[in-house]
Amino acid sequence: LDFSKFIPVDSLILTKMDGTAKGGIALSMIDKLNIPVDFIGVGEGVDDFVPFELEVFLKGLISND
């Protein structure tokens, strides 16, 4: 379902992104919808939203840390 047909969407907030297995969805959404990700949830609480930085995110996906 393409929500942008009904509601204007100009950016994304991704939640529950604390697992690397789910990390690829961010890149897929950016590519498919052609809109930026503004924030990403890295934990369970409302204070666990951080600004999304693509370079930091990509480094985290390929890091062995």
N, C-alpha and C. Protein backbone atom coordinates (compact mmCIF):
# COMPACT_ATOMS: atom_id res chain seq x y z
N LEU A 1 0.85 -1.18 0.00
CA LEU A 1 0.00 0.00 0.00
C LEU A 1 0.89 1.23 0.00
N ASP A 2 0.66 2.13 -0.91
CA ASP A 2 1.42 3.37 -0.99
C ASP A 2 0.65 4.47 -0.27
N PHE A 3 1.04 4.72 0.99
CA PHE A 3 0.34 5.71 1.81
C PHE A 3 0.42 7.11 1.22
N SER A 4 1.49 7.38 0.45
CA SER A 4 1.66 8.73 -0.08
C SER A 4 0.57 9.11 -1.09
N LYS A 5 -0.20 8.13 -1.55
CA LYS A 5 -1.34 8.45 -2.41
C LYS A 5 -2.46 9.12 -1.63
N PHE A 6 -2.48 8.88 -0.30
CA PHE A 6 -3.55 9.39 0.54
C PHE A 6 -3.08 10.47 1.52
N ILE A 7 -1.85 10.34 1.98
CA ILE A 7 -1.29 11.27 2.96
C ILE A 7 0.10 11.68 2.48
N PRO A 8 0.38 12.97 2.37
CA PRO A 8 1.72 13.40 1.94
C PRO A 8 2.78 12.93 2.94
N VAL A 9 3.77 12.22 2.46
CA VAL A 9 4.87 11.74 3.29
C VAL A 9 6.16 12.32 2.74
N ASP A 10 6.90 13.06 3.59
CA ASP A 10 8.14 13.66 3.09
C ASP A 10 9.39 13.15 3.79
N SER A 11 9.21 12.29 4.80
CA SER A 11 10.36 11.66 5.44
C SER A 11 9.87 10.49 6.29
N LEU A 12 10.84 9.68 6.75
CA LEU A 12 10.51 8.49 7.52
C LEU A 12 11.13 8.53 8.91
N ILE A 13 10.49 7.85 9.84
CA ILE A 13 11.07 7.55 11.14
C ILE A 13 11.00 6.03 11.26
N LEU A 14 12.16 5.40 11.38
CA LEU A 14 12.21 3.95 11.49
C LEU A 14 12.33 3.55 12.95
N THR A 15 11.49 2.63 13.37
CA THR A 15 11.49 2.19 14.77
C THR A 15 11.96 0.76 14.87
N LYS A 16 12.32 0.37 16.07
CA LYS A 16 12.73 -1.00 16.36
C LYS A 16 13.87 -1.46 15.46
N MET A 17 14.87 -0.63 15.30
CA MET A 17 16.00 -0.95 14.41
C MET A 17 17.23 -1.34 15.21
N ASP A 18 17.04 -2.03 16.33
CA ASP A 18 18.18 -2.39 17.18
C ASP A 18 18.86 -3.68 16.73
N GLY A 19 18.38 -4.34 15.70
CA GLY A 19 19.01 -5.56 15.20
C GLY A 19 19.59 -5.35 13.81
N THR A 20 20.79 -5.85 13.56
CA THR A 20 21.41 -5.63 12.26
C THR A 20 20.68 -6.36 11.15
N ALA A 21 19.98 -7.44 11.47
CA ALA A 21 19.25 -8.19 10.44
C ALA A 21 18.16 -7.33 9.81
N LYS A 22 17.65 -6.35 10.55
CA LYS A 22 16.59 -5.48 10.04
C LYS A 22 17.15 -4.26 9.33
N GLY A 23 18.46 -4.07 9.39
CA GLY A 23 19.08 -2.85 8.89
C GLY A 23 18.87 -2.58 7.43
N GLY A 24 18.81 -3.60 6.61
CA GLY A 24 18.65 -3.42 5.18
C GLY A 24 17.35 -2.76 4.79
N ILE A 25 16.35 -2.82 5.64
CA ILE A 25 15.05 -2.23 5.31
C ILE A 25 15.17 -0.72 5.16
N ALA A 26 16.06 -0.08 5.89
CA ALA A 26 16.22 1.37 5.78
C ALA A 26 16.65 1.74 4.37
N LEU A 27 17.63 1.03 3.85
CA LEU A 27 18.10 1.32 2.50
C LEU A 27 17.03 1.04 1.46
N SER A 28 16.30 -0.02 1.66
CA SER A 28 15.22 -0.37 0.75
C SER A 28 14.13 0.70 0.72
N MET A 29 13.76 1.20 1.90
CA MET A 29 12.71 2.22 1.99
C MET A 29 13.17 3.53 1.34
N ILE A 30 14.42 3.91 1.60
CA ILE A 30 14.94 5.14 0.99
C ILE A 30 14.90 5.02 -0.53
N ASP A 31 15.32 3.88 -1.04
CA ASP A 31 15.37 3.66 -2.48
C ASP A 31 13.97 3.59 -3.08
N LYS A 32 13.08 2.82 -2.46
CA LYS A 32 11.74 2.60 -3.02
C LYS A 32 10.89 3.86 -2.97
N LEU A 33 10.92 4.57 -1.85
CA LEU A 33 10.04 5.72 -1.68
C LEU A 33 10.69 7.04 -2.10
N ASN A 34 12.01 7.02 -2.25
CA ASN A 34 12.75 8.22 -2.65
C ASN A 34 12.52 9.39 -1.69
N ILE A 35 12.49 9.09 -0.39
CA ILE A 35 12.39 10.12 0.64
C ILE A 35 13.39 9.77 1.74
N PRO A 36 13.84 10.78 2.48
CA PRO A 36 14.87 10.53 3.50
C PRO A 36 14.30 9.92 4.78
N VAL A 37 15.20 9.31 5.53
CA VAL A 37 14.91 8.87 6.89
C VAL A 37 15.41 9.98 7.81
N ASP A 38 14.55 10.51 8.67
CA ASP A 38 14.97 11.59 9.58
C ASP A 38 15.46 11.06 10.92
N PHE A 39 14.77 10.06 11.47
CA PHE A 39 15.14 9.51 12.77
C PHE A 39 15.08 8.00 12.73
N ILE A 40 15.85 7.39 13.64
CA ILE A 40 15.86 5.94 13.74
C ILE A 40 15.80 5.56 15.22
N GLY A 41 14.98 4.57 15.53
CA GLY A 41 14.87 4.08 16.90
C GLY A 41 15.93 3.03 17.16
N VAL A 42 16.69 3.23 18.22
CA VAL A 42 17.78 2.31 18.53
C VAL A 42 17.56 1.58 19.85
N GLY A 43 16.38 1.69 20.41
CA GLY A 43 16.07 1.04 21.68
C GLY A 43 14.58 0.93 21.88
N GLU A 44 14.19 0.82 23.12
CA GLU A 44 12.79 0.59 23.45
C GLU A 44 12.01 1.84 23.83
N GLY A 45 12.69 2.89 24.25
CA GLY A 45 11.99 4.07 24.77
C GLY A 45 11.92 5.22 23.80
N VAL A 46 11.08 6.19 24.15
CA VAL A 46 10.91 7.38 23.31
C VAL A 46 12.21 8.18 23.23
N ASP A 47 13.05 8.08 24.24
CA ASP A 47 14.34 8.79 24.22
C ASP A 47 15.38 8.09 23.37
N ASP A 48 15.03 6.96 22.80
CA ASP A 48 15.97 6.18 22.00
C ASP A 48 15.88 6.47 20.50
N PHE A 49 15.27 7.59 20.14
CA PHE A 49 15.26 8.04 18.75
C PHE A 49 16.44 8.97 18.54
N VAL A 50 17.21 8.71 17.49
CA VAL A 50 18.37 9.55 17.18
C VAL A 50 18.25 9.99 15.72
N PRO A 51 18.85 11.13 15.41
CA PRO A 51 18.86 11.55 14.00
C PRO A 51 19.54 10.49 13.14
N PHE A 52 18.96 10.21 12.00
CA PHE A 52 19.51 9.20 11.10
C PHE A 52 20.65 9.81 10.30
N GLU A 53 21.82 9.18 10.38
CA GLU A 53 22.98 9.59 9.59
C GLU A 53 23.39 8.38 8.76
N LEU A 54 23.22 8.49 7.44
CA LEU A 54 23.44 7.36 6.54
C LEU A 54 24.83 6.77 6.68
N GLU A 55 25.86 7.61 6.72
CA GLU A 55 27.22 7.09 6.82
C GLU A 55 27.43 6.29 8.11
N VAL A 56 26.95 6.79 9.21
CA VAL A 56 27.08 6.09 10.49
C VAL A 56 26.30 4.78 10.44
N PHE A 57 25.12 4.82 9.85
CA PHE A 57 24.28 3.63 9.73
C PHE A 57 24.97 2.56 8.90
N LEU A 58 25.53 2.95 7.76
CA LEU A 58 26.21 1.98 6.88
C LEU A 58 27.44 1.37 7.56
N LYS A 59 28.19 2.21 8.27
CA LYS A 59 29.35 1.69 9.00
C LYS A 59 28.92 0.69 10.05
N GLY A 60 27.79 0.95 10.71
CA GLY A 60 27.27 0.03 11.71
C GLY A 60 26.84 -1.31 11.11
N LEU A 61 26.33 -1.28 9.89
CA LEU A 61 25.91 -2.52 9.24
C LEU A 61 27.08 -3.44 8.90
N ILE A 62 28.20 -2.84 8.54
CA ILE A 62 29.33 -3.67 8.12
C ILE A 62 30.37 -3.86 9.22
N SER A 63 30.17 -3.22 10.36
CA SER A 63 31.11 -3.34 11.47
C SER A 63 30.98 -4.68 12.18
N ASN A 64 32.07 -5.18 12.69
CA ASN A 64 32.08 -6.42 13.47
C ASN A 64 32.02 -6.14 14.96
N ASP A 65 31.84 -4.91 15.37
CA ASP A 65 31.83 -4.55 16.79
C ASP A 65 30.60 -5.07 17.49
